[in-house]
Amino acid sequence: MAKLDRLLAHRRARAAFYGHLLSSLEEFDLPPSPKQAPGHTYQSYVIRLRSGDRAQRNRIMEHLADQGIETRPGTHAVHRLGYYVQKYGLKSEQFPNAARSEDATITLPLFPGMSEADQERVGAALRESLTGRR
């Protein structure tokens, strides 16, 4: 159990540091801090564009990829997946919050052994993706 506790403590520390690094970026909503959500395990660190769309999200993700930083969309809107569209005839506009979540979220890297320097690199690339240089 001690190993699991250390792993969770590391993830929470990395989440807290992301919060510190990214708190000045008004373009994003961040997950709650470890102090705000003490039971959160931070299996993922997902940020959400406050405004913008899938194209902007993809540009940001592409910029990070060009810097060697892997990201993923933060979630998928299940009603947009082929199976559900075909079986139930669901339309994107039926679930606008789910669609918006899919279009505007990015999962940032968070892994065992990640250092503050790794996160600073992610933060710098994220800032560059928004305004060129910031």
C-alpha atoms as a PDB file:
ATOM      1  CA  MET A   1       0.000   0.000   0.000  1.00  0.00           C
ATOM      2  CA  ALA A   2       2.911   2.367   0.612  1.00  0.00           C
ATOM      3  CA  LYS A   3       3.810   2.249  -3.099  1.00  0.00           C
ATOM      4  CA  LEU A   4       0.268   3.187  -4.084  1.00  0.00           C
ATOM      5  CA  ASP A   5       0.272   6.032  -1.554  1.00  0.00           C
ATOM      6  CA  ARG A   6       3.528   7.353  -3.036  1.00  0.00           C
ATOM      7  CA  LEU A   7       2.137   7.115  -6.566  1.00  0.00           C
ATOM      8  CA  LEU A   8      -1.042   8.980  -5.609  1.00  0.00           C
ATOM      9  CA  ALA A   9       0.962  11.611  -3.718  1.00  0.00           C
ATOM     10  CA  HIS A  10       3.142  12.119  -6.819  1.00  0.00           C
ATOM     11  CA  ARG A  11       0.086  12.490  -9.086  1.00  0.00           C
ATOM     12  CA  ARG A  12      -1.516  14.962  -6.692  1.00  0.00           C
ATOM     13  CA  ALA A  13       1.717  16.944  -6.480  1.00  0.00           C
ATOM     14  CA  ARG A  14       1.912  17.051 -10.292  1.00  0.00           C
ATOM     15  CA  ALA A  15      -1.740  18.146 -10.462  1.00  0.00           C
ATOM     16  CA  ALA A  16      -1.067  20.910  -7.936  1.00  0.00           C
ATOM     17  CA  PHE A  17       1.945  22.066  -9.945  1.00  0.00           C
ATOM     18  CA  TYR A  18      -0.083  22.121 -13.183  1.00  0.00           C
ATOM     19  CA  GLY A  19      -2.642  24.233 -11.335  1.00  0.00           C
ATOM     20  CA  HIS A  20       0.124  26.626 -10.306  1.00  0.00           C
ATOM     21  CA  LEU A  21       1.619  26.759 -13.814  1.00  0.00           C
ATOM     22  CA  LEU A  22      -1.627  27.181 -15.706  1.00  0.00           C
ATOM     23  CA  SER A  23      -3.747  29.276 -13.350  1.00  0.00           C
ATOM     24  CA  SER A  24      -2.936  32.478 -15.242  1.00  0.00           C
ATOM     25  CA  LEU A  25      -4.272  31.092 -18.534  1.00  0.00           C
ATOM     26  CA  GLU A  26      -7.746  32.575 -18.655  1.00  0.00           C
ATOM     27  CA  GLU A  27      -8.535  30.570 -21.779  1.00  0.00           C
ATOM     28  CA  PHE A  28      -8.858  27.351 -19.774  1.00  0.00           C
ATOM     29  CA  ASP A  29     -10.841  25.844 -16.951  1.00  0.00           C
ATOM     30  CA  LEU A  30      -8.650  23.562 -14.850  1.00  0.00           C
ATOM     31  CA  PRO A  31      -9.542  20.567 -12.702  1.00  0.00           C
ATOM     32  CA  PRO A  32     -10.009  21.225  -8.996  1.00  0.00           C
ATOM     33  CA  SER A  33      -6.810  21.407  -6.991  1.00  0.00           C
ATOM     34  CA  PRO A  34      -5.868  18.554  -4.641  1.00  0.00           C
ATOM     35  CA  LYS A  35      -6.898  20.791  -1.726  1.00  0.00           C
ATOM     36  CA  GLN A  36     -10.327  21.323  -3.299  1.00  0.00           C
ATOM     37  CA  ALA A  37     -10.751  17.615  -4.171  1.00  0.00           C
ATOM     38  CA  PRO A  38      -8.665  15.622  -1.684  1.00  0.00           C
ATOM     39  CA  GLY A  39      -9.935  12.259  -2.946  1.00  0.00           C
ATOM     40  CA  HIS A  40      -9.107  12.949  -6.606  1.00  0.00           C
ATOM     41  CA  THR A  41      -6.520  10.510  -7.993  1.00  0.00           C
ATOM     42  CA  TYR A  42      -5.659  12.556 -11.121  1.00  0.00           C
ATOM     43  CA  GLN A  43      -5.618   9.537 -13.393  1.00  0.00           C
ATOM     44  CA  SER A  44      -5.778  12.244 -16.074  1.00  0.00           C
ATOM     45  CA  TYR A  45      -5.313  16.010 -16.068  1.00  0.00           C
ATOM     46  CA  VAL A  46      -7.990  17.445 -18.351  1.00  0.00           C
ATOM     47  CA  ILE A  47      -8.288  21.134 -19.192  1.00  0.00           C
ATOM     48  CA  ARG A  48     -11.226  22.749 -20.998  1.00  0.00           C
ATOM     49  CA  LEU A  49     -11.242  25.714 -23.361  1.00  0.00           C
ATOM     50  CA  ARG A  50     -13.662  28.304 -22.023  1.00  0.00           C
ATOM     51  CA  SER A  51     -14.483  29.427 -25.543  1.00  0.00           C
ATOM     52  CA  GLY A  52     -13.412  28.076 -28.863  1.00  0.00           C
ATOM     53  CA  ASP A  53     -14.176  24.943 -30.751  1.00  0.00           C
ATOM     54  CA  ARG A  54     -12.774  21.641 -31.956  1.00  0.00           C
ATOM     55  CA  ALA A  55     -10.614  23.392 -34.562  1.00  0.00           C
ATOM     56  CA  GLN A  56      -8.949  25.570 -31.906  1.00  0.00           C
ATOM     57  CA  ARG A  57      -8.525  22.581 -29.601  1.00  0.00           C
ATOM     58  CA  ASN A  58      -6.932  20.632 -32.446  1.00  0.00           C
ATOM     59  CA  ARG A  59      -4.562  23.509 -33.275  1.00  0.00           C
ATOM     60  CA  ILE A  60      -3.419  23.584 -29.657  1.00  0.00           C
ATOM     61  CA  MET A  61      -2.946  19.814 -29.604  1.00  0.00           C
ATOM     62  CA  GLU A  62      -1.034  19.930 -32.906  1.00  0.00           C
ATOM     63  CA  HIS A  63       1.263  22.641 -31.556  1.00  0.00           C
ATOM     64  CA  LEU A  64       2.026  20.541 -28.490  1.00  0.00           C
ATOM     65  CA  ALA A  65       2.604  17.476 -30.700  1.00  0.00           C
ATOM     66  CA  ASP A  66       5.083  19.509 -32.768  1.00  0.00           C
ATOM     67  CA  GLN A  67       6.948  20.113 -29.492  1.00  0.00           C
ATOM     68  CA  GLY A  68       6.983  16.367 -28.752  1.00  0.00           C
ATOM     69  CA  ILE A  69       4.200  16.615 -26.166  1.00  0.00           C
ATOM     70  CA  GLU A  70       1.463  14.002 -26.506  1.00  0.00           C
ATOM     71  CA  THR A  71      -2.104  14.943 -25.660  1.00  0.00           C
ATOM     72  CA  ARG A  72      -5.539  13.450 -26.236  1.00  0.00           C
ATOM     73  CA  PRO A  73      -9.051  14.841 -26.323  1.00  0.00           C
ATOM     74  CA  GLY A  74     -10.297  14.989 -22.754  1.00  0.00           C
ATOM     75  CA  THR A  75     -13.441  12.955 -23.381  1.00  0.00           C
ATOM     76  CA  HIS A  76     -15.657  11.572 -26.092  1.00  0.00           C
ATOM     77  CA  ALA A  77     -19.308  12.379 -26.598  1.00  0.00           C
ATOM     78  CA  VAL A  78     -20.773   8.880 -26.755  1.00  0.00           C
ATOM     79  CA  HIS A  79     -23.800  10.011 -28.744  1.00  0.00           C
ATOM     80  CA  ARG A  80     -21.451  10.966 -31.600  1.00  0.00           C
ATOM     81  CA  LEU A  81     -19.885   7.515 -31.861  1.00  0.00           C
ATOM     82  CA  GLY A  82     -20.913   5.528 -34.907  1.00  0.00           C
ATOM     83  CA  TYR A  83     -22.655   2.733 -33.020  1.00  0.00           C
ATOM     84  CA  TYR A  84     -24.988   5.083 -31.153  1.00  0.00           C
ATOM     85  CA  VAL A  85     -25.607   7.298 -34.172  1.00  0.00           C
ATOM     86  CA  GLN A  86     -26.519   4.270 -36.295  1.00  0.00           C
ATOM     87  CA  LYS A  87     -28.486   2.307 -33.698  1.00  0.00           C
ATOM     88  CA  TYR A  88     -30.403   5.188 -32.120  1.00  0.00           C
ATOM     89  CA  GLY A  89     -30.198   7.958 -34.727  1.00  0.00           C
ATOM     90  CA  LEU A  90     -28.689  10.351 -32.199  1.00  0.00           C
ATOM     91  CA  LYS A  91     -27.742  13.825 -33.354  1.00  0.00           C
ATOM     92  CA  SER A  92     -24.955  16.011 -31.984  1.00  0.00           C
ATOM     93  CA  GLU A  93     -27.335  18.833 -31.066  1.00  0.00           C
ATOM     94  CA  GLN A  94     -29.332  16.516 -28.794  1.00  0.00           C
ATOM     95  CA  PHE A  95     -26.559  16.581 -26.206  1.00  0.00           C
ATOM     96  CA  PRO A  96     -24.841  19.970 -26.541  1.00  0.00           C
ATOM     97  CA  ASN A  97     -22.915  19.774 -23.258  1.00  0.00           C
ATOM     98  CA  ALA A  98     -21.417  16.406 -24.149  1.00  0.00           C
ATOM     99  CA  ALA A  99     -20.527  17.693 -27.625  1.00  0.00           C
ATOM    100  CA  ARG A 100     -18.930  20.820 -26.154  1.00  0.00           C
ATOM    101  CA  SER A 101     -16.933  18.723 -23.697  1.00  0.00           C
ATOM    102  CA  GLU A 102     -15.581  16.577 -26.502  1.00  0.00           C
ATOM    103  CA  ASP A 103     -14.736  19.590 -28.656  1.00  0.00           C
ATOM    104  CA  ALA A 104     -13.080  21.705 -25.984  1.00  0.00           C
ATOM    105  CA  THR A 105     -11.098  19.392 -23.691  1.00  0.00           C
ATOM    106  CA  ILE A 106      -7.456  18.329 -23.757  1.00  0.00           C
ATOM    107  CA  THR A 107      -5.775  15.700 -21.606  1.00  0.00           C
ATOM    108  CA  LEU A 108      -2.288  16.878 -20.686  1.00  0.00           C
ATOM    109  CA  PRO A 109       0.541  14.445 -19.936  1.00  0.00           C
ATOM    110  CA  LEU A 110       0.654  13.170 -16.365  1.00  0.00           C
ATOM    111  CA  PHE A 111       2.736  10.094 -15.648  1.00  0.00           C
ATOM    112  CA  PRO A 112       4.821   8.429 -12.934  1.00  0.00           C
ATOM    113  CA  GLY A 113       8.202  10.115 -12.692  1.00  0.00           C
ATOM    114  CA  MET A 114       7.054  13.300 -14.414  1.00  0.00           C
ATOM    115  CA  SER A 115       9.163  16.209 -13.203  1.00  0.00           C
ATOM    116  CA  GLU A 116       8.399  19.878 -12.696  1.00  0.00           C
ATOM    117  CA  ALA A 117      10.725  20.582 -15.639  1.00  0.00           C
ATOM    118  CA  ASP A 118       8.549  18.306 -17.813  1.00  0.00           C
ATOM    119  CA  GLN A 119       5.479  20.224 -16.726  1.00  0.00           C
ATOM    120  CA  GLU A 120       7.129  23.596 -17.281  1.00  0.00           C
ATOM    121  CA  ARG A 121       7.831  22.477 -20.851  1.00  0.00           C
ATOM    122  CA  VAL A 122       4.152  21.548 -21.290  1.00  0.00           C
ATOM    123  CA  GLY A 123       3.074  24.893 -19.828  1.00  0.00           C
ATOM    124  CA  ALA A 124       5.411  26.859 -22.097  1.00  0.00           C
ATOM    125  CA  ALA A 125       4.208  25.012 -25.195  1.00  0.00           C
ATOM    126  CA  LEU A 126       0.595  25.548 -24.169  1.00  0.00           C
ATOM    127  CA  ARG A 127       1.184  29.283 -23.771  1.00  0.00           C
ATOM    128  CA  GLU A 128       2.915  29.426 -27.172  1.00  0.00           C
ATOM    129  CA  SER A 129      -0.032  27.640 -28.768  1.00  0.00           C
ATOM    130  CA  LEU A 130      -2.394  30.375 -27.577  1.00  0.00           C
ATOM    131  CA  THR A 131      -0.621  33.539 -28.589  1.00  0.00           C
ATOM    132  CA  GLY A 132       2.636  32.690 -30.306  1.00  0.00           C
ATOM    133  CA  ARG A 133       4.806  33.575 -27.298  1.00  0.00           C
ATOM    134  CA  ARG A 134       3.625  34.349 -23.800  1.00  0.00           C
END
